[in-house]
Amino acid sequence: MSITELIKRKRFAPGKGVIEPPPQQGVKRFIFVLVTHPWKLIYLNLLFLAFSIPVLTIPASLCGMNRVLIKLVREGNCFLWHDFIKEFKENLFKSLPFGILSAFLLFSSYYFLSLSISADGMYVVSGAIGVLFLVIAFLFSSYVFVFLPSLNLKNRHIARNAFILMVIEWKTNLALLCSAFAMAVIIIFFFPHSIFLLLFIWFSLMQLIVCTAINLPLEKRIIGPYEMIREET
């Protein structure tokens, strides 16, 4: 008898099955989605890379991936190809300004970090500015590219809400930054073997962390109040 069959027999045996509802938020929800849908994360990672090849389509691909992941986080299931391609088409042009802004912030970060290596007496200041641009680029794009497939709003409202949550949700920001740092360390430490991780699951796994972390403040501060106002009116 295979290991898989043994696990199934133990899990679904009378009196031994999982009777509690799946966790809805936080780390437990992340682990639940990761364990339940590992193959979907792999397919999604490959799909994201394939649709990002033209480079200019990276923002739309990110929207498509986040649409799939946010549905997995909220509902526990999705139609991977249908949800991805639908969101990709809808945000092909709408997401482009945010992609350009993120690229500009990343380039600015690279410039100041490079300058800090050669600048005489100013390396600390240049390095600090470079890190600041990098943090802003990561946090702002994390919120924006989760909001785009989740909220039917114009870009200026998407940007405003992303900026507000980026300022007030310090716990979420800390979780995102620590997760991104840990993932980057793993990639660097295990290079070049980590190339396989990049190809097959790194991007979808990182965005699953992002979607899980942002989903709670999104529902609490934006979707929840909006639904209350709509019910009252």
Protein backbone atom coordinates (compact mmCIF):
# COMPACT_ATOMS: atom_id res chain seq x y z
CA MET A 1 0.00 0.00 0.00
CA SER A 2 1.40 3.40 -0.99
CA ILE A 3 1.99 6.29 1.41
CA THR A 4 -0.78 8.30 -0.28
CA GLU A 5 -3.31 5.53 0.28
CA LEU A 6 -2.28 5.21 3.92
CA ILE A 7 -2.79 8.96 4.44
CA LYS A 8 -6.21 8.83 2.78
CA ARG A 9 -7.30 5.82 4.85
CA LYS A 10 -6.25 7.55 8.05
CA ARG A 11 -7.79 10.87 7.11
CA PHE A 12 -11.13 9.55 5.94
CA ALA A 13 -11.53 6.60 8.32
CA PRO A 14 -14.75 6.67 10.43
CA GLY A 15 -14.26 8.92 13.40
CA LYS A 16 -10.87 10.16 12.17
CA GLY A 17 -11.86 12.53 9.39
CA VAL A 18 -11.47 16.28 9.48
CA ILE A 19 -14.77 17.63 10.79
CA GLU A 20 -13.73 21.19 11.63
CA PRO A 21 -14.20 23.90 8.98
CA PRO A 22 -10.99 25.02 7.28
CA PRO A 23 -9.23 28.06 8.78
CA GLN A 24 -10.33 31.33 7.23
CA GLN A 25 -7.48 33.74 7.93
CA GLY A 26 -3.79 34.07 8.68
CA VAL A 27 -0.99 31.55 8.60
CA LYS A 28 -3.34 28.58 9.02
CA ARG A 29 -5.31 29.64 5.95
CA PHE A 30 -2.07 30.01 3.98
CA ILE A 31 -0.97 26.51 4.97
CA PHE A 32 -4.42 25.11 4.16
CA VAL A 33 -4.34 26.53 0.61
CA LEU A 34 -0.71 25.48 0.11
CA VAL A 35 -1.35 21.89 1.19
CA THR A 36 -4.70 21.57 -0.60
CA HIS A 37 -3.71 23.09 -3.95
CA PRO A 38 0.05 22.57 -4.53
CA TRP A 39 -0.40 21.60 -8.19
CA LYS A 40 -2.51 24.65 -8.88
CA LEU A 41 0.28 26.82 -7.50
CA ILE A 42 2.77 25.12 -9.81
CA TYR A 43 0.52 25.51 -12.87
CA LEU A 44 -0.18 29.10 -11.90
CA ASN A 45 3.54 29.88 -11.61
CA LEU A 46 4.20 28.49 -15.10
CA LEU A 47 1.18 30.35 -16.47
CA PHE A 48 2.40 33.61 -14.95
CA LEU A 49 5.88 33.19 -16.47
CA ALA A 50 4.48 32.30 -19.89
CA PHE A 51 2.22 35.36 -20.03
CA SER A 52 4.97 37.64 -18.67
CA ILE A 53 7.40 36.96 -21.54
CA PRO A 54 6.50 40.19 -23.43
CA VAL A 55 7.54 42.07 -20.21
CA LEU A 56 4.87 44.74 -20.70
CA THR A 57 2.27 42.13 -19.79
CA ILE A 58 3.81 41.42 -16.36
CA PRO A 59 1.31 43.71 -14.52
CA ALA A 60 -1.67 41.99 -16.20
CA SER A 61 -0.15 38.56 -15.49
CA LEU A 62 0.25 39.54 -11.86
CA CYS A 63 -3.40 40.58 -11.74
CA GLY A 64 -4.43 37.25 -13.24
CA MET A 65 -2.36 35.32 -10.73
CA ASN A 66 -3.65 37.34 -7.78
CA ARG A 67 -7.23 36.81 -8.94
CA VAL A 68 -6.74 33.05 -8.77
CA LEU A 69 -4.99 33.24 -5.40
CA ILE A 70 -7.48 35.59 -3.78
CA LYS A 71 -10.27 33.19 -4.77
CA LEU A 72 -8.34 30.30 -3.24
CA VAL A 73 -7.83 32.29 -0.05
CA ARG A 74 -11.49 33.34 0.20
CA GLU A 75 -13.39 30.44 -1.34
CA GLY A 76 -10.93 27.54 -1.27
CA ASN A 77 -11.33 26.80 -4.99
CA CYS A 78 -11.19 28.40 -8.43
CA PHE A 79 -11.22 27.80 -12.18
CA LEU A 80 -7.54 28.45 -12.73
CA TRP A 81 -7.36 29.09 -16.47
CA HIS A 82 -10.71 30.89 -16.72
CA ASP A 83 -10.05 33.18 -13.74
CA PHE A 84 -6.48 33.93 -14.83
CA ILE A 85 -7.18 34.75 -18.46
CA LYS A 86 -10.32 36.76 -17.65
CA GLU A 87 -8.47 38.99 -15.21
CA PHE A 88 -5.46 39.20 -17.54
CA LYS A 89 -7.62 40.59 -20.35
CA GLU A 90 -9.52 43.01 -18.11
CA ASN A 91 -6.34 44.52 -16.65
CA LEU A 92 -4.06 44.35 -19.68
CA PHE A 93 -4.11 48.15 -20.07
CA LYS A 94 -5.58 49.22 -16.73
CA SER A 95 -2.65 47.76 -14.77
CA LEU A 96 0.05 49.16 -17.07
CA PRO A 97 0.42 52.57 -15.32
CA PHE A 98 1.03 50.80 -12.01
CA GLY A 99 3.56 48.55 -13.70
CA ILE A 100 5.43 51.57 -15.07
CA LEU A 101 5.36 53.25 -11.65
CA SER A 102 6.69 50.09 -9.96
CA ALA A 103 9.45 49.79 -12.57
CA PHE A 104 10.42 53.45 -11.98
CA LEU A 105 10.61 52.91 -8.21
CA LEU A 106 12.69 49.76 -8.65
CA PHE A 107 15.06 51.54 -11.05
CA SER A 108 15.42 54.41 -8.56
CA SER A 109 16.20 51.90 -5.82
CA TYR A 110 18.83 50.24 -8.01
CA TYR A 111 20.37 53.63 -8.88
CA PHE A 112 20.75 54.79 -5.28
CA LEU A 113 21.98 51.41 -4.06
CA SER A 114 24.58 51.37 -6.85
CA LEU A 115 25.53 54.94 -6.01
CA SER A 116 26.02 54.02 -2.36
CA ILE A 117 28.80 51.60 -3.33
CA SER A 118 30.94 54.26 -5.03
CA ALA A 119 29.84 57.50 -3.33
CA ASP A 120 32.47 59.02 -1.00
CA GLY A 121 30.95 59.94 2.34
CA MET A 122 27.39 59.62 1.08
CA TYR A 123 27.08 55.82 0.85
CA VAL A 124 24.91 55.57 3.98
CA VAL A 125 22.42 58.18 2.78
CA SER A 126 22.30 56.79 -0.78
CA GLY A 127 21.89 53.27 0.54
CA ALA A 128 19.07 54.32 2.86
CA ILE A 129 17.25 56.07 -0.01
CA GLY A 130 17.71 53.01 -2.20
CA VAL A 131 16.26 50.70 0.45
CA LEU A 132 13.39 53.12 1.02
CA PHE A 133 12.49 53.11 -2.68
CA LEU A 134 12.67 49.31 -2.70
CA VAL A 135 10.34 48.99 0.30
CA ILE A 136 7.85 51.48 -1.15
CA ALA A 137 7.89 49.72 -4.53
CA PHE A 138 7.28 46.31 -2.96
CA LEU A 139 4.55 47.36 -0.53
CA PHE A 140 2.68 49.67 -2.89
CA SER A 141 2.69 47.14 -5.74
CA SER A 142 1.63 44.37 -3.35
CA TYR A 143 -1.50 46.29 -2.35
CA VAL A 144 -2.24 47.63 -5.83
CA PHE A 145 -2.03 44.30 -7.65
CA VAL A 146 -4.30 42.65 -5.08
CA PHE A 147 -6.79 45.52 -5.24
CA LEU A 148 -6.99 45.57 -9.04
CA PRO A 149 -8.55 42.08 -9.35
CA SER A 150 -10.57 42.50 -6.14
CA LEU A 151 -12.16 45.96 -6.44
CA ASN A 152 -14.13 47.47 -9.30
CA LEU A 153 -12.62 50.94 -8.89
CA LYS A 154 -10.83 53.48 -11.03
CA ASN A 155 -7.05 53.60 -10.85
CA ARG A 156 -6.92 56.75 -8.77
CA HIS A 157 -9.11 55.13 -6.10
CA ILE A 158 -7.03 51.94 -6.26
CA ALA A 159 -3.86 54.01 -5.73
CA ARG A 160 -5.40 56.03 -2.88
CA ASN A 161 -6.62 52.94 -1.00
CA ALA A 162 -3.28 51.20 -1.54
CA PHE A 163 -1.39 54.21 -0.18
CA ILE A 164 -3.67 54.52 2.87
CA LEU A 165 -3.36 50.85 3.81
CA MET A 166 0.37 50.95 3.16
CA VAL A 167 0.61 53.70 5.78
CA ILE A 168 -1.73 52.35 8.47
CA GLU A 169 -1.34 48.57 8.20
CA TRP A 170 2.11 48.30 9.74
CA LYS A 171 1.62 44.71 10.94
CA THR A 172 0.68 43.57 7.44
CA ASN A 173 3.62 45.52 6.01
CA LEU A 174 6.00 43.88 8.46
CA ALA A 175 4.68 40.41 7.59
CA LEU A 176 5.08 41.12 3.87
CA LEU A 177 8.61 42.48 4.21
CA CYS A 178 9.78 39.62 6.44
CA SER A 179 8.29 37.06 4.06
CA ALA A 180 9.89 38.67 1.01
CA PHE A 181 13.26 38.87 2.78
CA ALA A 182 13.08 35.19 3.82
CA MET A 183 12.13 34.11 0.28
CA ALA A 184 15.00 36.17 -1.19
CA VAL A 185 17.49 34.64 1.26
CA ILE A 186 16.35 31.13 0.28
CA ILE A 187 16.78 31.92 -3.43
CA ILE A 188 20.27 33.37 -2.90
CA PHE A 189 21.44 30.69 -0.46
CA PHE A 190 20.41 27.75 -2.64
CA PHE A 191 21.43 29.28 -5.99
CA PRO A 192 21.70 27.86 -8.67
CA HIS A 193 19.43 25.02 -7.49
CA SER A 194 16.81 27.62 -6.54
CA ILE A 195 16.28 28.33 -10.25
CA PHE A 196 13.90 25.36 -10.27
CA LEU A 197 12.03 26.97 -7.37
CA LEU A 198 11.71 30.19 -9.39
CA LEU A 199 10.42 28.31 -12.42
CA PHE A 200 7.84 26.16 -10.70
CA ILE A 201 6.46 27.81 -7.55
CA TRP A 202 8.35 30.84 -6.22
CA PHE A 203 6.17 33.59 -7.72
CA SER A 204 2.84 31.93 -6.95
CA LEU A 205 4.00 31.09 -3.43
CA MET A 206 5.15 34.66 -2.77
CA GLN A 207 1.88 36.06 -4.09
CA LEU A 208 -0.09 33.57 -2.00
CA ILE A 209 1.64 35.07 1.04
CA VAL A 210 0.80 38.57 -0.22
CA CYS A 211 -2.86 37.76 -0.93
CA THR A 212 -3.33 36.00 2.42
CA ALA A 213 -1.79 38.90 4.32
CA ILE A 214 -3.69 41.65 2.48
CA ASN A 215 -7.07 39.91 2.32
CA LEU A 216 -7.94 40.61 5.97
CA PRO A 217 -7.30 44.40 5.95
CA LEU A 218 -8.93 44.58 2.51
CA GLU A 219 -12.14 43.03 3.81
CA LYS A 220 -12.01 44.89 7.11
CA ARG A 221 -11.26 48.40 5.89
CA ILE A 222 -12.65 48.54 2.34
CA ILE A 223 -15.08 45.78 1.41
CA GLY A 224 -16.78 45.58 4.83
CA PRO A 225 -17.52 49.33 5.20
CA TYR A 226 -18.66 49.52 1.56
CA GLU A 227 -21.15 46.68 2.07
CA MET A 228 -22.46 48.31 5.27
CA ILE A 229 -23.04 51.61 3.46
CA ARG A 230 -24.78 49.82 0.57
CA GLU A 231 -27.09 47.98 2.98
CA GLU A 232 -27.99 51.21 4.77
CA THR A 233 -28.81 53.00 1.52
